[in-house]
Amino acid sequence: MVQRLDRLDSASRHARLDPPLLAAIEESPGLRSGDLAERLGDEQVRLKRRVRRLKDLGLTESLGIGYRLSPRGQAVTERLMGG
């Protein structure tokens, strides 16, 4: 899976993996997008686009408030973080 995502990442800047965002969502599932953006030093609108890209890859899921990693996202994050 990680190899496939790496190929997508190298083929398109829009499909890039976002390890800092994946790690932040893993650490704080359900965190409001504004708080997540602040934590990562990003604007809320831009952060939502970043999350949407990850969601399109099947790596995140939207909650009523905030986001969480999908099972695929958890596996990819573990691999990216050396786990």
N, C-alpha and C. Protein backbone atom coordinates (compact mmCIF):
# COMPACT_ATOMS: atom_id res chain seq x y z
N MET A 1 0.83 -1.19 0.00
CA MET A 1 0.00 0.00 0.00
C MET A 1 0.87 1.25 0.00
N VAL A 2 1.89 1.30 0.85
CA VAL A 2 2.74 2.49 0.92
C VAL A 2 3.44 2.71 -0.41
N GLN A 3 3.90 1.63 -1.05
CA GLN A 3 4.56 1.78 -2.35
C GLN A 3 3.60 2.36 -3.38
N ARG A 4 2.37 1.89 -3.36
CA ARG A 4 1.37 2.42 -4.30
C ARG A 4 1.14 3.91 -4.03
N LEU A 5 1.03 4.28 -2.77
CA LEU A 5 0.81 5.68 -2.43
C LEU A 5 2.04 6.52 -2.77
N ASP A 6 3.23 5.95 -2.60
CA ASP A 6 4.45 6.67 -2.99
C ASP A 6 4.45 6.95 -4.49
N ARG A 7 3.98 5.98 -5.29
CA ARG A 7 3.89 6.20 -6.74
C ARG A 7 2.91 7.32 -7.05
N LEU A 8 1.76 7.30 -6.37
CA LEU A 8 0.79 8.39 -6.57
C LEU A 8 1.39 9.72 -6.16
N ASP A 9 2.11 9.70 -5.05
CA ASP A 9 2.72 10.91 -4.53
C ASP A 9 3.70 11.50 -5.53
N SER A 10 4.53 10.65 -6.13
CA SER A 10 5.51 11.15 -7.08
C SER A 10 4.86 11.55 -8.40
N ALA A 11 3.72 10.97 -8.71
CA ALA A 11 3.05 11.26 -9.99
C ALA A 11 2.23 12.54 -9.95
N SER A 12 1.77 12.93 -8.78
CA SER A 12 0.88 14.08 -8.69
C SER A 12 1.07 14.84 -7.40
N ARG A 13 1.28 16.13 -7.49
CA ARG A 13 1.44 16.91 -6.26
C ARG A 13 0.13 16.95 -5.48
N HIS A 14 -1.00 16.69 -6.12
CA HIS A 14 -2.29 16.72 -5.44
C HIS A 14 -2.56 15.45 -4.64
N ALA A 15 -1.84 14.40 -4.93
CA ALA A 15 -2.07 13.13 -4.25
C ALA A 15 -1.00 12.86 -3.21
N ARG A 16 -0.26 13.90 -2.82
CA ARG A 16 0.87 13.67 -1.93
C ARG A 16 0.42 13.20 -0.55
N LEU A 17 1.25 12.38 0.02
CA LEU A 17 1.02 11.96 1.39
C LEU A 17 1.37 13.13 2.29
N ASP A 18 0.85 13.15 3.45
CA ASP A 18 1.02 14.28 4.36
C ASP A 18 1.31 13.73 5.75
N PRO A 19 2.54 13.21 5.97
CA PRO A 19 2.85 12.58 7.25
C PRO A 19 2.56 13.45 8.48
N PRO A 20 2.87 14.76 8.48
CA PRO A 20 2.55 15.54 9.67
C PRO A 20 1.05 15.58 9.98
N LEU A 21 0.24 15.67 8.94
CA LEU A 21 -1.21 15.70 9.14
C LEU A 21 -1.71 14.33 9.58
N LEU A 22 -1.23 13.28 8.96
CA LEU A 22 -1.63 11.93 9.37
C LEU A 22 -1.28 11.70 10.85
N ALA A 23 -0.08 12.11 11.25
CA ALA A 23 0.34 11.92 12.64
C ALA A 23 -0.53 12.73 13.60
N ALA A 24 -0.86 13.96 13.22
CA ALA A 24 -1.69 14.80 14.09
C ALA A 24 -3.09 14.23 14.25
N ILE A 25 -3.65 13.70 13.18
CA ILE A 25 -4.98 13.09 13.26
C ILE A 25 -4.91 11.82 14.09
N GLU A 26 -3.84 11.06 13.94
CA GLU A 26 -3.68 9.84 14.73
C GLU A 26 -3.59 10.18 16.22
N GLU A 27 -2.86 11.23 16.56
CA GLU A 27 -2.67 11.63 17.95
C GLU A 27 -3.92 12.21 18.57
N SER A 28 -4.75 12.88 17.77
CA SER A 28 -5.92 13.58 18.32
C SER A 28 -7.14 13.39 17.43
N PRO A 29 -7.66 12.17 17.34
CA PRO A 29 -8.87 11.99 16.53
C PRO A 29 -10.02 12.81 17.10
N GLY A 30 -10.81 13.39 16.21
CA GLY A 30 -11.95 14.18 16.64
C GLY A 30 -11.63 15.64 16.93
N LEU A 31 -10.37 16.03 16.79
CA LEU A 31 -9.99 17.42 17.02
C LEU A 31 -10.61 18.30 15.94
N ARG A 32 -11.18 19.43 16.36
CA ARG A 32 -11.80 20.37 15.42
C ARG A 32 -10.77 20.82 14.38
N SER A 33 -11.25 21.05 13.17
CA SER A 33 -10.34 21.42 12.08
C SER A 33 -9.58 22.71 12.39
N GLY A 34 -10.22 23.67 13.03
CA GLY A 34 -9.53 24.91 13.38
C GLY A 34 -8.39 24.67 14.36
N ASP A 35 -8.62 23.79 15.34
CA ASP A 35 -7.58 23.46 16.31
C ASP A 35 -6.46 22.66 15.66
N LEU A 36 -6.83 21.77 14.77
CA LEU A 36 -5.84 20.97 14.05
C LEU A 36 -4.98 21.88 13.16
N ALA A 37 -5.62 22.82 12.49
CA ALA A 37 -4.89 23.77 11.64
C ALA A 37 -3.92 24.59 12.48
N GLU A 38 -4.38 25.06 13.63
CA GLU A 38 -3.51 25.85 14.51
C GLU A 38 -2.32 25.02 14.97
N ARG A 39 -2.58 23.79 15.34
CA ARG A 39 -1.51 22.89 15.80
C ARG A 39 -0.45 22.71 14.72
N LEU A 40 -0.88 22.66 13.46
CA LEU A 40 0.05 22.43 12.35
C LEU A 40 0.54 23.73 11.70
N GLY A 41 0.09 24.87 12.22
CA GLY A 41 0.52 26.14 11.66
C GLY A 41 -0.02 26.39 10.26
N ASP A 42 -1.26 25.99 10.04
CA ASP A 42 -1.87 26.11 8.72
C ASP A 42 -3.19 26.87 8.85
N GLU A 43 -3.71 27.31 7.72
CA GLU A 43 -5.03 27.94 7.71
C GLU A 43 -6.09 26.84 7.66
N GLN A 44 -7.24 27.09 8.27
CA GLN A 44 -8.29 26.08 8.34
C GLN A 44 -8.76 25.64 6.96
N VAL A 45 -8.95 26.57 6.05
CA VAL A 45 -9.42 26.23 4.70
C VAL A 45 -8.41 25.33 4.00
N ARG A 46 -7.15 25.67 4.10
CA ARG A 46 -6.10 24.86 3.47
C ARG A 46 -6.02 23.49 4.13
N LEU A 47 -6.13 23.43 5.45
CA LEU A 47 -6.09 22.15 6.15
C LEU A 47 -7.22 21.24 5.69
N LYS A 48 -8.39 21.79 5.51
CA LYS A 48 -9.52 20.97 5.05
C LYS A 48 -9.25 20.39 3.66
N ARG A 49 -8.57 21.14 2.81
CA ARG A 49 -8.20 20.60 1.49
C ARG A 49 -7.20 19.46 1.65
N ARG A 50 -6.25 19.63 2.56
CA ARG A 50 -5.26 18.58 2.81
C ARG A 50 -5.96 17.31 3.29
N VAL A 51 -6.91 17.46 4.22
CA VAL A 51 -7.63 16.30 4.74
C VAL A 51 -8.45 15.66 3.63
N ARG A 52 -9.06 16.46 2.79
CA ARG A 52 -9.86 15.93 1.70
C ARG A 52 -9.02 15.06 0.76
N ARG A 53 -7.78 15.49 0.48
CA ARG A 53 -6.89 14.68 -0.36
C ARG A 53 -6.63 13.33 0.29
N LEU A 54 -6.40 13.34 1.60
CA LEU A 54 -6.16 12.08 2.31
C LEU A 54 -7.42 11.22 2.33
N LYS A 55 -8.57 11.87 2.47
CA LYS A 55 -9.84 11.13 2.45
C LYS A 55 -10.05 10.49 1.08
N ASP A 56 -9.71 11.20 0.01
CA ASP A 56 -9.85 10.66 -1.35
C ASP A 56 -8.97 9.43 -1.56
N LEU A 57 -7.88 9.34 -0.81
CA LEU A 57 -6.99 8.18 -0.87
C LEU A 57 -7.43 7.07 0.08
N GLY A 58 -8.51 7.33 0.83
CA GLY A 58 -9.01 6.33 1.77
C GLY A 58 -8.25 6.28 3.07
N LEU A 59 -7.55 7.37 3.42
CA LEU A 59 -6.71 7.37 4.61
C LEU A 59 -7.37 8.00 5.83
N THR A 60 -8.37 8.86 5.62
CA THR A 60 -9.05 9.50 6.75
C THR A 60 -10.56 9.37 6.60
N GLU A 61 -11.24 9.57 7.71
CA GLU A 61 -12.70 9.57 7.75
C GLU A 61 -13.15 10.81 8.51
N SER A 62 -14.22 11.42 8.05
CA SER A 62 -14.79 12.57 8.74
C SER A 62 -15.69 12.09 9.86
N LEU A 63 -15.62 12.77 10.98
CA LEU A 63 -16.51 12.52 12.11
C LEU A 63 -17.50 13.67 12.19
N GLY A 64 -18.42 13.62 13.13
CA GLY A 64 -19.32 14.75 13.34
C GLY A 64 -18.53 16.02 13.58
N ILE A 65 -17.49 15.90 14.38
CA ILE A 65 -16.52 16.98 14.60
C ILE A 65 -15.14 16.35 14.44
N GLY A 66 -14.36 16.87 13.53
CA GLY A 66 -12.99 16.39 13.35
C GLY A 66 -12.88 15.20 12.42
N TYR A 67 -11.74 14.55 12.54
CA TYR A 67 -11.39 13.46 11.63
C TYR A 67 -10.73 12.33 12.42
N ARG A 68 -10.65 11.18 11.78
CA ARG A 68 -9.88 10.06 12.32
C ARG A 68 -9.25 9.34 11.14
N LEU A 69 -8.24 8.54 11.45
CA LEU A 69 -7.64 7.72 10.41
C LEU A 69 -8.52 6.52 10.14
N SER A 70 -8.61 6.15 8.89
CA SER A 70 -9.28 4.90 8.52
C SER A 70 -8.32 3.76 8.87
N PRO A 71 -8.78 2.52 8.84
CA PRO A 71 -7.84 1.42 9.06
C PRO A 71 -6.65 1.47 8.08
N ARG A 72 -6.93 1.80 6.83
CA ARG A 72 -5.85 1.95 5.85
C ARG A 72 -4.92 3.09 6.26
N GLY A 73 -5.48 4.20 6.70
CA GLY A 73 -4.68 5.33 7.14
C GLY A 73 -3.81 4.99 8.34
N GLN A 74 -4.34 4.18 9.25
CA GLN A 74 -3.55 3.75 10.40
C GLN A 74 -2.35 2.92 9.95
N ALA A 75 -2.59 1.99 9.02
CA ALA A 75 -1.51 1.14 8.53
C ALA A 75 -0.44 1.96 7.80
N VAL A 76 -0.88 2.88 6.97
CA VAL A 76 0.06 3.72 6.22
C VAL A 76 0.85 4.60 7.17
N THR A 77 0.19 5.19 8.16
CA THR A 77 0.86 6.06 9.12
C THR A 77 1.91 5.28 9.91
N GLU A 78 1.57 4.08 10.33
CA GLU A 78 2.55 3.25 11.04
C GLU A 78 3.78 2.99 10.18
N ARG A 79 3.57 2.69 8.91
CA ARG A 79 4.70 2.44 8.00
C ARG A 79 5.52 3.71 7.79
N LEU A 80 4.85 4.84 7.60
CA LEU A 80 5.56 6.10 7.36
C LEU A 80 6.36 6.53 8.58
N MET A 81 5.85 6.23 9.76
CA MET A 81 6.51 6.64 11.00
C MET A 81 7.51 5.60 11.49
N GLY A 82 7.70 4.56 10.69
CA GLY A 82 8.69 3.55 11.04
C GLY A 82 8.22 2.54 12.05
N GLY A 83 6.88 2.40 12.18
CA GLY A 83 6.33 1.49 13.18
C GLY A 83 6.07 0.12 12.73
